[in-house]
Amino acid sequence: MTTAREIMTEGADCINEDESVLDAARKITDLGVGALPICGNDNKLKGMLTDRDIVVKVLGSGKDPANTKVGTLAQGEAVTIGADDEAGEILRTMISHKVRRLPVIDGHQLVGIVAQADVARALPDAQVGELLEALSTD
């Protein structure tokens, strides 16, 4: 069976929880990605920051992105997948938490990201369809 390690995009860059949302927006732009993992000073994953979070939770709320810390947008425990977890677990986790991106951890170390596009490339159409349907409905 296919594992997260086999389909993930390796080398995910983190944004530190103490950096500004403006710095995060620049990093998202420079990397050409839609989300960044938020890492703490202890180098552990604290959450995910998406481009939508920046627009809705910062700009749309009238907050100053230069003075808003990324860590304030981390909500609860991050939803992750283990590097050696199988595709079925990836699908179940993405569907149950309604997330399009899953940080992949090996122990406590962030090793990559499994995105919806990674799943679409690696898994059979029926499983991809199930994921897309689940993420497209409320």
N, C-alpha and C. Protein backbone atom coordinates (compact mmCIF):
# COMPACT_ATOMS: atom_id res chain seq x y z
N MET A 1 0.84 -1.18 0.00
CA MET A 1 0.00 0.00 0.00
C MET A 1 0.88 1.24 0.00
N THR A 2 0.42 2.30 -0.62
CA THR A 2 1.13 3.56 -0.73
C THR A 2 1.14 4.27 0.62
N THR A 3 2.30 4.85 0.99
CA THR A 3 2.42 5.57 2.25
C THR A 3 2.54 7.08 2.00
N ALA A 4 2.35 7.83 3.06
CA ALA A 4 2.48 9.29 2.99
C ALA A 4 3.87 9.68 2.50
N ARG A 5 4.88 8.99 2.97
CA ARG A 5 6.27 9.29 2.59
C ARG A 5 6.46 9.17 1.07
N GLU A 6 5.73 8.24 0.46
CA GLU A 6 5.88 8.01 -0.98
C GLU A 6 5.20 9.06 -1.84
N ILE A 7 4.16 9.69 -1.33
CA ILE A 7 3.43 10.65 -2.17
C ILE A 7 3.58 12.11 -1.73
N MET A 8 4.19 12.33 -0.57
CA MET A 8 4.30 13.70 -0.06
C MET A 8 5.27 14.54 -0.89
N THR A 9 5.12 15.84 -0.75
CA THR A 9 6.11 16.77 -1.26
C THR A 9 7.08 17.00 -0.11
N GLU A 10 8.34 16.70 -0.36
CA GLU A 10 9.35 16.79 0.71
C GLU A 10 9.79 18.23 0.94
N GLY A 11 10.43 18.41 2.09
CA GLY A 11 11.10 19.67 2.39
C GLY A 11 10.18 20.85 2.63
N ALA A 12 9.12 20.65 3.35
CA ALA A 12 8.20 21.75 3.64
C ALA A 12 8.88 22.82 4.49
N ASP A 13 8.81 24.06 4.03
CA ASP A 13 9.36 25.18 4.80
C ASP A 13 8.34 25.61 5.84
N CYS A 14 8.83 25.88 7.04
CA CYS A 14 7.98 26.38 8.12
C CYS A 14 8.06 27.89 8.20
N ILE A 15 7.05 28.47 8.79
CA ILE A 15 7.10 29.87 9.21
C ILE A 15 7.07 29.82 10.73
N ASN A 16 7.95 30.57 11.36
CA ASN A 16 8.02 30.55 12.82
C ASN A 16 6.84 31.30 13.42
N GLU A 17 6.34 30.79 14.54
CA GLU A 17 5.16 31.38 15.19
C GLU A 17 5.36 32.84 15.59
N ASP A 18 6.61 33.28 15.73
CA ASP A 18 6.89 34.66 16.13
C ASP A 18 7.05 35.62 14.94
N GLU A 19 7.02 35.08 13.72
CA GLU A 19 7.14 35.93 12.54
C GLU A 19 5.80 36.60 12.24
N SER A 20 5.85 37.68 11.48
CA SER A 20 4.63 38.40 11.16
C SER A 20 3.87 37.72 10.02
N VAL A 21 2.60 38.00 9.95
CA VAL A 21 1.78 37.50 8.85
C VAL A 21 2.27 38.07 7.53
N LEU A 22 2.77 39.30 7.55
CA LEU A 22 3.34 39.89 6.34
C LEU A 22 4.53 39.07 5.85
N ASP A 23 5.41 38.65 6.77
CA ASP A 23 6.54 37.79 6.40
C ASP A 23 6.04 36.47 5.81
N ALA A 24 4.99 35.92 6.42
CA ALA A 24 4.41 34.67 5.92
C ALA A 24 3.84 34.85 4.52
N ALA A 25 3.15 35.95 4.28
CA ALA A 25 2.58 36.22 2.95
C ALA A 25 3.69 36.31 1.91
N ARG A 26 4.77 36.96 2.26
CA ARG A 26 5.91 37.06 1.33
C ARG A 26 6.51 35.67 1.05
N LYS A 27 6.61 34.86 2.09
CA LYS A 27 7.17 33.52 1.93
C LYS A 27 6.26 32.65 1.07
N ILE A 28 4.95 32.75 1.30
CA ILE A 28 3.99 32.01 0.48
C ILE A 28 4.13 32.43 -0.99
N THR A 29 4.27 33.72 -1.22
CA THR A 29 4.44 34.24 -2.58
C THR A 29 5.74 33.74 -3.20
N ASP A 30 6.84 33.86 -2.46
CA ASP A 30 8.14 33.44 -2.98
C ASP A 30 8.19 31.95 -3.31
N LEU A 31 7.56 31.14 -2.46
CA LEU A 31 7.57 29.69 -2.66
C LEU A 31 6.51 29.21 -3.65
N GLY A 32 5.53 30.06 -3.93
CA GLY A 32 4.46 29.68 -4.84
C GLY A 32 3.57 28.59 -4.28
N VAL A 33 3.29 28.67 -2.97
CA VAL A 33 2.46 27.67 -2.31
C VAL A 33 1.21 28.35 -1.74
N GLY A 34 0.25 27.55 -1.30
CA GLY A 34 -0.98 28.09 -0.74
C GLY A 34 -1.04 28.02 0.77
N ALA A 35 -0.04 27.38 1.39
CA ALA A 35 -0.05 27.22 2.84
C ALA A 35 1.36 26.95 3.34
N LEU A 36 1.56 27.30 4.60
CA LEU A 36 2.83 27.03 5.28
C LEU A 36 2.57 26.42 6.64
N PRO A 37 3.38 25.45 7.01
CA PRO A 37 3.30 24.95 8.39
C PRO A 37 3.81 26.03 9.34
N ILE A 38 3.17 26.14 10.50
CA ILE A 38 3.62 27.05 11.55
C ILE A 38 4.43 26.22 12.54
N CYS A 39 5.69 26.61 12.75
CA CYS A 39 6.53 25.88 13.69
C CYS A 39 6.86 26.78 14.88
N GLY A 40 6.92 26.16 16.04
CA GLY A 40 7.23 26.89 17.26
C GLY A 40 8.72 27.04 17.46
N ASN A 41 9.08 27.77 18.50
CA ASN A 41 10.49 27.94 18.84
C ASN A 41 11.12 26.61 19.25
N ASP A 42 10.28 25.65 19.63
CA ASP A 42 10.76 24.32 19.99
C ASP A 42 10.87 23.42 18.75
N ASN A 43 10.64 24.01 17.55
CA ASN A 43 10.70 23.33 16.26
C ASN A 43 9.59 22.31 16.06
N LYS A 44 8.56 22.35 16.89
CA LYS A 44 7.42 21.46 16.73
C LYS A 44 6.32 22.17 15.96
N LEU A 45 5.57 21.38 15.22
CA LEU A 45 4.48 21.91 14.41
C LEU A 45 3.37 22.45 15.30
N LYS A 46 2.93 23.68 15.03
CA LYS A 46 1.88 24.33 15.80
C LYS A 46 0.57 24.45 15.03
N GLY A 47 0.64 24.36 13.71
CA GLY A 47 -0.55 24.51 12.89
C GLY A 47 -0.18 24.77 11.45
N MET A 48 -1.19 25.15 10.68
CA MET A 48 -1.00 25.50 9.27
C MET A 48 -1.56 26.89 9.04
N LEU A 49 -0.90 27.64 8.19
CA LEU A 49 -1.36 28.97 7.79
C LEU A 49 -1.61 28.93 6.30
N THR A 50 -2.83 29.27 5.89
CA THR A 50 -3.16 29.28 4.47
C THR A 50 -3.29 30.71 3.97
N ASP A 51 -3.22 30.84 2.66
CA ASP A 51 -3.43 32.16 2.07
C ASP A 51 -4.82 32.68 2.40
N ARG A 52 -5.78 31.78 2.51
CA ARG A 52 -7.14 32.17 2.89
C ARG A 52 -7.19 32.70 4.32
N ASP A 53 -6.42 32.07 5.23
CA ASP A 53 -6.34 32.57 6.61
C ASP A 53 -5.87 34.02 6.63
N ILE A 54 -4.88 34.31 5.81
CA ILE A 54 -4.33 35.67 5.76
C ILE A 54 -5.41 36.66 5.32
N VAL A 55 -6.13 36.30 4.29
CA VAL A 55 -7.16 37.20 3.76
C VAL A 55 -8.33 37.34 4.74
N VAL A 56 -8.86 36.23 5.22
CA VAL A 56 -10.07 36.27 6.04
C VAL A 56 -9.79 36.70 7.48
N LYS A 57 -8.82 36.08 8.11
CA LYS A 57 -8.59 36.31 9.54
C LYS A 57 -7.74 37.54 9.85
N VAL A 58 -7.00 38.01 8.86
CA VAL A 58 -6.15 39.18 9.11
C VAL A 58 -6.67 40.38 8.33
N LEU A 59 -6.57 40.34 7.02
CA LEU A 59 -6.98 41.48 6.21
C LEU A 59 -8.48 41.77 6.34
N GLY A 60 -9.29 40.74 6.24
CA GLY A 60 -10.73 40.92 6.34
C GLY A 60 -11.21 41.39 7.70
N SER A 61 -10.39 41.15 8.73
CA SER A 61 -10.73 41.59 10.08
C SER A 61 -10.11 42.93 10.43
N GLY A 62 -9.42 43.52 9.45
CA GLY A 62 -8.83 44.83 9.68
C GLY A 62 -7.55 44.82 10.49
N LYS A 63 -6.93 43.65 10.65
CA LYS A 63 -5.67 43.57 11.40
C LYS A 63 -4.50 43.96 10.50
N ASP A 64 -3.45 44.43 11.11
CA ASP A 64 -2.24 44.81 10.40
C ASP A 64 -1.35 43.58 10.24
N PRO A 65 -1.12 43.11 9.01
CA PRO A 65 -0.31 41.90 8.83
C PRO A 65 1.14 42.06 9.28
N ALA A 66 1.64 43.28 9.32
CA ALA A 66 3.01 43.51 9.77
C ALA A 66 3.13 43.38 11.29
N ASN A 67 2.01 43.57 12.00
CA ASN A 67 2.04 43.51 13.46
C ASN A 67 1.26 42.33 14.04
N THR A 68 0.81 41.43 13.19
CA THR A 68 0.11 40.24 13.65
C THR A 68 1.06 39.05 13.56
N LYS A 69 1.24 38.37 14.65
CA LYS A 69 2.14 37.22 14.69
C LYS A 69 1.43 35.98 14.13
N VAL A 70 2.17 35.20 13.38
CA VAL A 70 1.64 33.98 12.77
C VAL A 70 1.07 33.04 13.84
N GLY A 71 1.72 32.95 14.97
CA GLY A 71 1.29 32.05 16.04
C GLY A 71 -0.11 32.31 16.54
N THR A 72 -0.59 33.54 16.39
CA THR A 72 -1.95 33.85 16.84
C THR A 72 -3.01 33.19 15.96
N LEU A 73 -2.60 32.71 14.78
CA LEU A 73 -3.54 32.08 13.86
C LEU A 73 -3.52 30.55 13.98
N ALA A 74 -2.58 30.01 14.73
CA ALA A 74 -2.54 28.55 14.94
C ALA A 74 -3.68 28.19 15.87
N GLN A 75 -4.51 27.25 15.45
CA GLN A 75 -5.69 26.91 16.23
C GLN A 75 -5.62 25.46 16.70
N GLY A 76 -5.51 25.27 17.99
CA GLY A 76 -5.53 23.93 18.55
C GLY A 76 -4.37 23.08 18.07
N GLU A 77 -4.56 21.79 18.13
CA GLU A 77 -3.52 20.86 17.71
C GLU A 77 -3.58 20.68 16.20
N ALA A 78 -2.41 20.68 15.57
CA ALA A 78 -2.33 20.52 14.13
C ALA A 78 -2.75 19.11 13.73
N VAL A 79 -3.50 19.02 12.64
CA VAL A 79 -3.88 17.73 12.08
C VAL A 79 -2.71 17.27 11.21
N THR A 80 -2.16 16.09 11.52
CA THR A 80 -0.99 15.59 10.81
C THR A 80 -1.21 14.14 10.40
N ILE A 81 -0.25 13.64 9.65
CA ILE A 81 -0.22 12.23 9.26
C ILE A 81 1.22 11.75 9.46
N GLY A 82 1.36 10.52 9.88
CA GLY A 82 2.69 9.94 10.04
C GLY A 82 3.28 9.58 8.68
N ALA A 83 4.58 9.68 8.57
CA ALA A 83 5.26 9.43 7.29
C ALA A 83 5.01 8.02 6.76
N ASP A 84 4.83 7.07 7.65
CA ASP A 84 4.63 5.69 7.22
C ASP A 84 3.17 5.25 7.24
N ASP A 85 2.25 6.20 7.47
CA ASP A 85 0.82 5.88 7.42
C ASP A 85 0.41 5.60 5.97
N GLU A 86 -0.54 4.70 5.82
CA GLU A 86 -0.97 4.28 4.49
C GLU A 86 -2.01 5.24 3.90
N ALA A 87 -2.21 5.10 2.61
CA ALA A 87 -3.10 5.98 1.85
C ALA A 87 -4.51 6.04 2.45
N GLY A 88 -5.00 4.91 2.92
CA GLY A 88 -6.34 4.90 3.52
C GLY A 88 -6.43 5.83 4.71
N GLU A 89 -5.39 5.87 5.51
CA GLU A 89 -5.36 6.76 6.68
C GLU A 89 -5.27 8.22 6.24
N ILE A 90 -4.53 8.48 5.17
CA ILE A 90 -4.44 9.84 4.62
C ILE A 90 -5.84 10.31 4.23
N LEU A 91 -6.54 9.47 3.47
CA LEU A 91 -7.90 9.82 3.02
C LEU A 91 -8.84 10.02 4.20
N ARG A 92 -8.82 9.10 5.15
CA ARG A 92 -9.72 9.22 6.31
C ARG A 92 -9.45 10.52 7.07
N THR A 93 -8.18 10.84 7.24
CA THR A 93 -7.82 12.05 8.00
C THR A 93 -8.24 13.31 7.24
N MET A 94 -7.95 13.36 5.96
CA MET A 94 -8.33 14.54 5.16
C MET A 94 -9.85 14.71 5.14
N ILE A 95 -10.57 13.61 4.99
CA ILE A 95 -12.02 13.67 4.92
C ILE A 95 -12.62 14.04 6.27
N SER A 96 -12.17 13.40 7.33
CA SER A 96 -12.79 13.66 8.64
C SER A 96 -12.50 15.07 9.16
N HIS A 97 -11.35 15.63 8.79
CA HIS A 97 -11.00 16.98 9.25
C HIS A 97 -11.24 18.04 8.18
N LYS A 98 -11.69 17.58 7.00
CA LYS A 98 -11.96 18.50 5.87
C LYS A 98 -10.78 19.41 5.59
N VAL A 99 -9.60 18.80 5.39
CA VAL A 99 -8.39 19.56 5.08
C VAL A 99 -7.85 19.13 3.72
N ARG A 100 -7.26 20.08 3.02
CA ARG A 100 -6.70 19.82 1.70
C ARG A 100 -5.19 19.56 1.75
N ARG A 101 -4.60 19.83 2.90
CA ARG A 101 -3.15 19.63 3.07
C ARG A 101 -2.90 19.02 4.43
N LEU A 102 -2.00 18.04 4.47
CA LEU A 102 -1.64 17.39 5.73
C LEU A 102 -0.14 17.45 5.92
N PRO A 103 0.32 18.06 7.00
CA PRO A 103 1.75 17.98 7.31
C PRO A 103 2.10 16.52 7.62
N VAL A 104 3.24 16.10 7.13
CA VAL A 104 3.71 14.73 7.36
C VAL A 104 4.84 14.79 8.37
N ILE A 105 4.68 14.02 9.44
CA ILE A 105 5.71 14.03 10.49
C ILE A 105 6.33 12.64 10.65
N ASP A 106 7.57 12.67 11.03
CA ASP A 106 8.30 11.45 11.36
C ASP A 106 8.80 11.67 12.78
N GLY A 107 8.15 11.06 13.75
CA GLY A 107 8.38 11.40 15.15
C GLY A 107 7.74 12.75 15.39
N HIS A 108 8.55 13.75 15.74
CA HIS A 108 8.05 15.12 15.89
C HIS A 108 8.61 16.02 14.79
N GLN A 109 9.33 15.44 13.85
CA GLN A 109 9.99 16.21 12.79
C GLN A 109 9.09 16.32 11.56
N LEU A 110 8.87 17.54 11.08
CA LEU A 110 8.13 17.77 9.86
C LEU A 110 9.00 17.34 8.69
N VAL A 111 8.49 16.43 7.85
CA VAL A 111 9.29 15.94 6.72
C VAL A 111 8.67 16.26 5.37
N GLY A 112 7.41 16.71 5.36
CA GLY A 112 6.78 17.04 4.09
C GLY A 112 5.31 17.39 4.27
N ILE A 113 4.64 17.54 3.13
CA ILE A 113 3.21 17.85 3.10
C ILE A 113 2.56 16.94 2.07
N VAL A 114 1.41 16.37 2.42
CA VAL A 114 0.58 15.67 1.44
C VAL A 114 -0.56 16.61 1.12
N ALA A 115 -0.63 17.03 -0.12
CA ALA A 115 -1.70 17.91 -0.56
C ALA A 115 -2.72 17.13 -1.38
N GLN A 116 -3.87 17.72 -1.56
CA GLN A 116 -4.92 17.11 -2.36
C GLN A 116 -4.37 16.70 -3.73
N ALA A 117 -3.53 17.53 -4.33
CA ALA A 117 -2.95 17.22 -5.65
C ALA A 117 -2.05 15.99 -5.59
N ASP A 118 -1.32 15.81 -4.48
CA ASP A 118 -0.48 14.62 -4.33
C ASP A 118 -1.33 13.36 -4.30
N VAL A 119 -2.45 13.44 -3.59
CA VAL A 119 -3.38 12.32 -3.51
C VAL A 119 -3.94 12.01 -4.90
N ALA A 120 -4.30 13.06 -5.64
CA ALA A 120 -4.88 12.88 -6.97
C ALA A 120 -3.90 12.19 -7.93
N ARG A 121 -2.62 12.49 -7.79
CA ARG A 121 -1.61 11.88 -8.66
C ARG A 121 -1.31 10.43 -8.29
N ALA A 122 -1.45 10.09 -7.01
CA ALA A 122 -0.96 8.80 -6.54
C ALA A 122 -2.02 7.72 -6.34
N LEU A 123 -3.26 8.11 -6.17
CA LEU A 123 -4.28 7.12 -5.80
C LEU A 123 -5.30 6.90 -6.91
N PRO A 124 -6.02 5.78 -6.85
CA PRO A 124 -7.03 5.49 -7.86
C PRO A 124 -8.13 6.55 -7.90
N ASP A 125 -8.72 6.71 -9.07
CA ASP A 125 -9.74 7.74 -9.29
C ASP A 125 -10.89 7.66 -8.29
N ALA A 126 -11.32 6.46 -7.93
CA ALA A 126 -12.46 6.32 -7.01
C ALA A 126 -12.14 6.94 -5.65
N GLN A 127 -10.92 6.71 -5.15
CA GLN A 127 -10.53 7.28 -3.86
C GLN A 127 -10.39 8.79 -3.96
N VAL A 128 -9.84 9.27 -5.06
CA VAL A 128 -9.70 10.72 -5.26
C VAL A 128 -11.08 11.36 -5.33
N GLY A 129 -11.99 10.71 -6.03
CA GLY A 129 -13.36 11.23 -6.13
C GLY A 129 -14.03 11.32 -4.77
N GLU A 130 -13.81 10.33 -3.93
CA GLU A 130 -14.38 10.34 -2.57
C GLU A 130 -13.84 11.53 -1.78
N LEU A 131 -12.55 11.78 -1.91
CA LEU A 131 -11.93 12.91 -1.22
C LEU A 131 -12.49 14.24 -1.73
N LEU A 132 -12.53 14.38 -3.04
CA LEU A 132 -13.03 15.64 -3.62
C LEU A 132 -14.48 15.90 -3.23
N GLU A 133 -15.29 14.87 -3.23
CA GLU A 133 -16.69 15.03 -2.83
C GLU A 133 -16.80 15.48 -1.38
N ALA A 134 -16.00 14.86 -0.52
CA ALA A 134 -16.05 15.20 0.92
C ALA A 134 -15.58 16.62 1.17
N LEU A 135 -14.56 17.06 0.44
CA LEU A 135 -14.02 18.40 0.66
C LEU A 135 -14.87 19.49 0.01
N SER A 136 -15.74 19.09 -0.91
CA SER A 136 -16.56 20.06 -1.63
C SER A 136 -17.92 20.30 -0.99
N THR A 137 -18.24 19.51 0.04
CA THR A 137 -19.54 19.66 0.70
C THR A 137 -19.34 20.15 2.13
N ASP A 138 -20.36 20.76 2.67
CA ASP A 138 -20.27 21.24 4.05
C ASP A 138 -20.68 20.23 5.03
